[in-house]
Structures are given as structure tokens and as C-alpha cells.
Amino acid sequence: MKYSGPIAAILERETARIESRHFPGATRLIGEMGRLMNVVQALEAVALNRDPTDNDAAHMKKTHDAGVRLAKAIEASRQRGNEILNEHNAKVSAQLREATGLREPDTLAGIMRQSELRTVVRGMKPQARHDLLSDAVKAKDADTISALLNAPAVVTGVDPKLLAHMRAEYERAVAPDLMDDVEFTLETDSALQAVTKAASRAANEAQDAVAMAKFMRADAAALAAKAAFDSSL
């Protein structure tokens, strides 16, 4: 039962990746990895360092209880991870709207201008729509892009996949630092999911009587082999 090794490797990699970078959401997710690793190591300490006065049943009970504590820690970490992502996404989305100008108009003139543009675009041929949107992205024309993004495809006639692609290109061009934050945080969350998966395997095995019995037999065999080797020296 040794699960902290892979978790430590992921944590080390993520810590190195974020060094000298300011991504608050990702930093908090990495903190969750550290918390989980500590609880996994606590479980391993119980499972691998048996009290000589404990019989099999007592040792299995202690390991089982440590597995229960780990399972609770995993669930709490999942909840905190979701809260971190939700808070981060809300904050970055607001910052992106300000940086890119991709928001609903707040004046009657703006609303009418965007409505007229959508009507014109809907009457264009597909290639002309594509060219218009492409030119708007290159020119960083927030008004045109916003008019097409803030309406259903049935109103503008623009392919939703094309809109999504062009939006991503525009956001990357206008707000590269924010997009780096978004992408980095998503990658960090994927790493946290890998840590959670490894921790869940440890928790499940610790609470599985059959798996624990198998582990204890293997551990006893390893100790016996070591003792036999030492005595032969």
C-alpha cells in the first residue's frame, strides 16, 4: 500500500509549473493536492507501521479507520475544489468581459446597432459571414463580435462552432494573460483529479477487508524474506 509516491510526483510537478506565476485559482488547487497527500501518508503510516502489540484484527481496524478518514478528506477536497473553480471562473469571466468588451450593450442605441448588424449578417452567404467575423477578430472589433456572440445562431445565421473558435481567438489576442490563467487552472484541476483518483484507491483498499488481508500477507512475506536474508549474512 504505497499511494503517496505518485501523488507526490504530481504535486512536485504542479508546484514547479506554477513557480513565479500568479494564478490564484491554480495555487489553491495545488494546496488541495498537498492536503490529500498528507492524509494519504497518514494512512500509509498506519498500514505500513504495525504496532507489534496489535493482532490482525486490531491492525485492520486501525487501517480501516484511517481509510474512512481519507475518504472524508477526499469528499471535502472535492467540494473545496468545486468552490475554487466556481469562484475562479466567475472572477475571470468578469475580467474577460471587461478586457474584451464582449458584453450586452447598455444603451438603446447600442441595442439597435447590434440588432441591425445581426439582420445584415443573417442575409449574407456563409463565406461572407465567415470573412466578416474573421476580419472583426483581426481588427479587434468588439462591437461586431459582441453583436454576433450575444444572440442565438438562428438570429445571426453564423455557425456556433465558428463563433466559439473566433471567440477563443479574439480572447487570446486581447487578453492573453487571462487566457493563460484559464488554461493553466484547468490543467491544474486535471492534475487534482488524478491525485483524487489515487487517493480514492488508497481509501477503498484500506476499507476492503479482502484487500487488506492480501496486503498483510504480502507484507508478512516481505518481512520474513528480509529476516531470512539478514540471518544468512
Protein backbone atom coordinates (compact mmCIF):
# COMPACT_ATOMS: atom_id res chain seq x y z
CA MET A 1 0.00 0.00 0.00
CA LYS A 2 2.06 2.92 -1.31
CA TYR A 3 0.00 5.62 -2.99
CA SER A 4 1.75 8.79 -1.84
CA GLY A 5 4.63 8.32 -4.31
CA PRO A 6 2.62 9.10 -7.48
CA ILE A 7 0.73 11.85 -5.65
CA ALA A 8 4.00 13.42 -4.51
CA ALA A 9 5.28 13.32 -8.11
CA ILE A 10 2.18 15.13 -9.38
CA LEU A 11 2.39 17.68 -6.57
CA GLU A 12 6.08 18.32 -7.27
CA ARG A 13 5.38 18.80 -10.98
CA GLU A 14 2.48 21.20 -10.40
CA THR A 15 4.43 23.19 -7.81
CA ALA A 16 7.31 23.58 -10.27
CA ARG A 17 4.92 24.62 -13.04
CA ILE A 18 3.40 27.44 -11.03
CA GLU A 19 6.67 28.77 -9.61
CA SER A 20 6.98 32.55 -10.18
CA ARG A 21 3.49 32.67 -11.72
CA HIS A 22 0.45 34.36 -10.22
CA PHE A 23 -2.57 32.11 -10.78
CA PRO A 24 -4.58 32.22 -7.52
CA GLY A 25 -7.12 29.55 -8.52
CA ALA A 26 -4.44 27.07 -9.55
CA THR A 27 -2.43 27.82 -6.39
CA ARG A 28 -5.43 26.90 -4.23
CA LEU A 29 -5.99 23.68 -6.19
CA ILE A 30 -2.36 22.71 -5.62
CA GLY A 31 -2.97 23.31 -1.93
CA GLU A 32 -5.75 20.71 -2.10
CA MET A 33 -3.27 18.21 -3.56
CA GLY A 34 -0.96 18.81 -0.60
CA ARG A 35 -3.77 18.28 1.88
CA LEU A 36 -4.77 14.99 0.28
CA MET A 37 -1.18 13.77 0.17
CA ASN A 38 -0.84 14.41 3.91
CA VAL A 39 -3.90 12.27 4.67
CA VAL A 40 -2.73 9.51 2.30
CA GLN A 41 0.64 9.48 4.04
CA ALA A 42 -1.11 9.25 7.39
CA LEU A 43 -2.98 6.17 6.12
CA GLU A 44 0.26 4.63 4.86
CA ALA A 45 1.92 5.25 8.22
CA VAL A 46 -0.83 3.24 9.91
CA ALA A 47 -0.85 0.44 7.34
CA LEU A 48 2.93 0.06 6.99
CA ASN A 49 3.96 0.56 10.62
CA ARG A 50 2.03 -2.04 12.54
CA ASP A 51 2.05 -1.86 16.31
CA PRO A 52 3.74 -5.09 17.48
CA THR A 53 1.09 -5.48 20.16
CA ASP A 54 -1.77 -5.46 17.63
CA ASN A 55 -3.24 -8.68 16.27
CA ASP A 56 -4.50 -8.84 12.67
CA ALA A 57 -7.98 -7.67 13.58
CA ALA A 58 -6.73 -4.65 15.54
CA HIS A 59 -4.34 -3.62 12.76
CA MET A 60 -7.04 -3.98 10.11
CA LYS A 61 -9.41 -1.88 12.25
CA LYS A 62 -6.85 0.92 12.57
CA THR A 63 -6.16 0.84 8.83
CA HIS A 64 -9.88 0.78 8.05
CA ASP A 65 -10.46 3.83 10.25
CA ALA A 66 -7.61 5.65 8.53
CA GLY A 67 -9.24 4.79 5.20
CA VAL A 68 -12.54 6.27 6.42
CA ARG A 69 -10.73 9.48 7.41
CA LEU A 70 -9.15 9.64 3.96
CA ALA A 71 -12.50 9.11 2.24
CA LYS A 72 -13.96 12.02 4.21
CA ALA A 73 -10.96 14.18 3.33
CA ILE A 74 -11.43 13.33 -0.35
CA GLU A 75 -15.08 14.36 -0.30
CA ALA A 76 -14.22 17.62 1.47
CA SER A 77 -11.46 18.27 -1.06
CA ARG A 78 -13.88 17.69 -3.95
CA GLN A 79 -16.26 20.26 -2.50
CA ARG A 80 -13.49 22.79 -1.94
CA GLY A 81 -12.14 22.16 -5.44
CA ASN A 82 -15.54 22.84 -6.98
CA GLU A 83 -15.89 26.02 -4.93
CA ILE A 84 -12.42 27.17 -6.01
CA LEU A 85 -13.22 26.59 -9.68
CA ASN A 86 -16.61 28.30 -9.47
CA GLU A 87 -15.15 31.35 -7.74
CA HIS A 88 -12.23 31.47 -10.15
CA ASN A 89 -14.42 31.12 -13.25
CA ALA A 90 -16.79 33.87 -12.07
CA LYS A 91 -13.90 36.23 -11.40
CA VAL A 92 -12.08 35.55 -14.66
CA SER A 93 -15.30 35.70 -16.70
CA ALA A 94 -15.98 39.19 -15.32
CA GLN A 95 -12.42 40.24 -16.08
CA LEU A 96 -12.70 38.86 -19.60
CA ARG A 97 -15.90 40.78 -20.26
CA GLU A 98 -14.17 43.98 -19.24
CA ALA A 99 -10.97 43.25 -21.16
CA THR A 100 -12.67 42.09 -24.36
CA GLY A 101 -15.76 44.28 -24.40
CA LEU A 102 -17.90 41.21 -25.16
CA ARG A 103 -20.94 42.22 -23.15
CA GLU A 104 -24.50 43.19 -23.85
CA PRO A 105 -24.96 46.88 -24.79
CA ASP A 106 -26.46 49.00 -22.04
CA THR A 107 -27.93 51.76 -24.22
CA LEU A 108 -30.85 51.77 -26.66
CA ALA A 109 -28.55 52.97 -29.43
CA GLY A 110 -26.18 50.08 -28.80
CA ILE A 111 -29.01 47.54 -28.77
CA MET A 112 -30.41 48.87 -32.06
CA ARG A 113 -26.97 48.93 -33.71
CA GLN A 114 -26.29 45.31 -32.81
CA SER A 115 -29.78 44.24 -33.92
CA GLU A 116 -29.28 45.89 -37.32
CA LEU A 117 -25.89 44.23 -37.73
CA ARG A 118 -27.36 40.79 -36.99
CA THR A 119 -30.04 41.32 -39.62
CA VAL A 120 -27.40 42.23 -42.20
CA VAL A 121 -25.22 39.25 -41.30
CA ARG A 122 -28.13 36.82 -41.44
CA GLY A 123 -28.71 37.86 -45.05
CA MET A 124 -25.12 37.13 -46.07
CA LYS A 125 -23.77 33.99 -47.67
CA PRO A 126 -21.87 31.66 -45.31
CA GLN A 127 -18.43 32.60 -46.67
CA ALA A 128 -19.23 36.30 -46.33
CA ARG A 129 -20.26 35.76 -42.70
CA HIS A 130 -17.03 33.88 -42.07
CA ASP A 131 -14.96 36.67 -43.63
CA LEU A 132 -16.80 39.37 -41.68
CA LEU A 133 -16.20 37.62 -38.37
CA SER A 134 -12.59 36.84 -39.22
CA ASP A 135 -11.93 40.48 -40.13
CA ALA A 136 -13.62 41.63 -36.92
CA VAL A 137 -11.33 39.38 -34.86
CA LYS A 138 -8.22 40.65 -36.65
CA ALA A 139 -9.35 44.25 -36.13
CA LYS A 140 -10.36 43.53 -32.52
CA ASP A 141 -13.78 44.93 -33.34
CA ALA A 142 -15.54 44.18 -30.05
CA ASP A 143 -18.84 45.72 -31.14
CA THR A 144 -19.25 43.43 -34.16
CA ILE A 145 -18.06 40.32 -32.34
CA SER A 146 -20.30 41.08 -29.35
CA ALA A 147 -23.34 41.54 -31.62
CA LEU A 148 -22.83 38.07 -33.10
CA LEU A 149 -21.93 36.31 -29.84
CA ASN A 150 -24.80 37.74 -27.82
CA ALA A 151 -27.53 36.25 -29.99
CA PRO A 152 -28.67 32.72 -30.91
CA ALA A 153 -27.27 31.25 -34.12
CA VAL A 154 -30.77 31.22 -35.62
CA VAL A 155 -30.76 35.04 -35.39
CA THR A 156 -27.34 35.64 -36.93
CA GLY A 157 -27.02 32.62 -39.21
CA VAL A 158 -23.44 32.13 -38.02
CA ASP A 159 -22.22 28.58 -37.31
CA PRO A 160 -21.93 28.18 -33.49
CA LYS A 161 -18.64 26.27 -33.86
CA LEU A 162 -17.20 29.13 -35.91
CA LEU A 163 -18.35 31.62 -33.29
CA ALA A 164 -16.73 29.61 -30.49
CA HIS A 165 -13.47 29.35 -32.45
CA MET A 166 -13.39 33.03 -33.28
CA ARG A 167 -14.24 34.00 -29.71
CA ALA A 168 -11.33 31.95 -28.42
CA GLU A 169 -9.00 33.59 -30.95
CA TYR A 170 -10.24 37.06 -30.02
CA GLU A 171 -9.94 36.47 -26.27
CA ARG A 172 -6.44 35.08 -26.73
CA ALA A 173 -5.43 38.15 -28.76
CA VAL A 174 -7.00 40.73 -26.42
CA ALA A 175 -6.45 39.15 -23.00
CA PRO A 176 -3.56 36.63 -23.25
CA ASP A 177 -2.75 36.74 -19.52
CA LEU A 178 -6.33 35.92 -18.54
CA MET A 179 -6.50 33.09 -21.07
CA ASP A 180 -3.21 31.71 -19.70
CA ASP A 181 -4.82 31.75 -16.25
CA VAL A 182 -7.90 29.88 -17.54
CA GLU A 183 -5.88 27.20 -19.33
CA PHE A 184 -3.37 26.76 -16.51
CA THR A 185 -6.11 26.40 -13.91
CA LEU A 186 -7.95 23.79 -15.99
CA GLU A 187 -4.72 21.81 -16.37
CA THR A 188 -4.14 22.04 -12.62
CA ASP A 189 -7.67 20.82 -11.96
CA SER A 190 -6.96 17.78 -14.16
CA ALA A 191 -3.89 17.07 -12.02
CA LEU A 192 -6.01 17.37 -8.88
CA GLN A 193 -8.45 14.82 -10.34
CA ALA A 194 -5.54 12.40 -10.83
CA VAL A 195 -4.49 12.93 -7.21
CA THR A 196 -8.05 12.39 -6.04
CA LYS A 197 -8.28 9.17 -8.05
CA ALA A 198 -5.09 7.80 -6.47
CA ALA A 199 -6.25 8.81 -3.00
CA SER A 200 -9.63 7.15 -3.60
CA ARG A 201 -7.91 3.87 -4.48
CA ALA A 202 -5.99 4.04 -1.21
CA ALA A 203 -9.14 4.78 0.79
CA ASN A 204 -11.09 1.98 -0.86
CA GLU A 205 -8.34 -0.58 -0.37
CA ALA A 206 -7.91 0.37 3.28
CA GLN A 207 -11.62 -0.26 3.86
CA ASP A 208 -11.67 -3.53 1.90
CA ALA A 209 -11.12 -6.47 4.25
CA VAL A 210 -10.08 -8.82 1.43
CA ALA A 211 -7.57 -6.33 0.00
CA MET A 212 -6.17 -5.63 3.45
CA ALA A 213 -5.74 -9.33 4.21
CA LYS A 214 -3.87 -9.74 0.93
CA PHE A 215 -1.68 -6.74 1.72
CA MET A 216 -0.89 -8.05 5.20
CA ARG A 217 0.10 -11.47 3.82
CA ALA A 218 2.40 -9.80 1.31
CA ASP A 219 3.86 -7.56 3.99
CA ALA A 220 4.46 -10.51 6.29
CA ALA A 221 6.13 -12.43 3.47
CA ALA A 222 8.39 -9.48 2.73
CA LEU A 223 9.40 -9.19 6.39
CA ALA A 224 10.08 -12.92 6.58
CA ALA A 225 12.23 -12.79 3.45
CA LYS A 226 14.20 -9.87 4.85
CA ALA A 227 14.71 -11.68 8.16
CA ALA A 228 15.90 -14.81 6.34
CA PHE A 229 18.34 -12.75 4.27
CA ASP A 230 19.68 -10.92 7.33
CA SER A 231 20.22 -14.20 9.19
CA SER A 232 22.20 -15.62 6.28
CA LEU A 233 24.78 -12.86 6.46
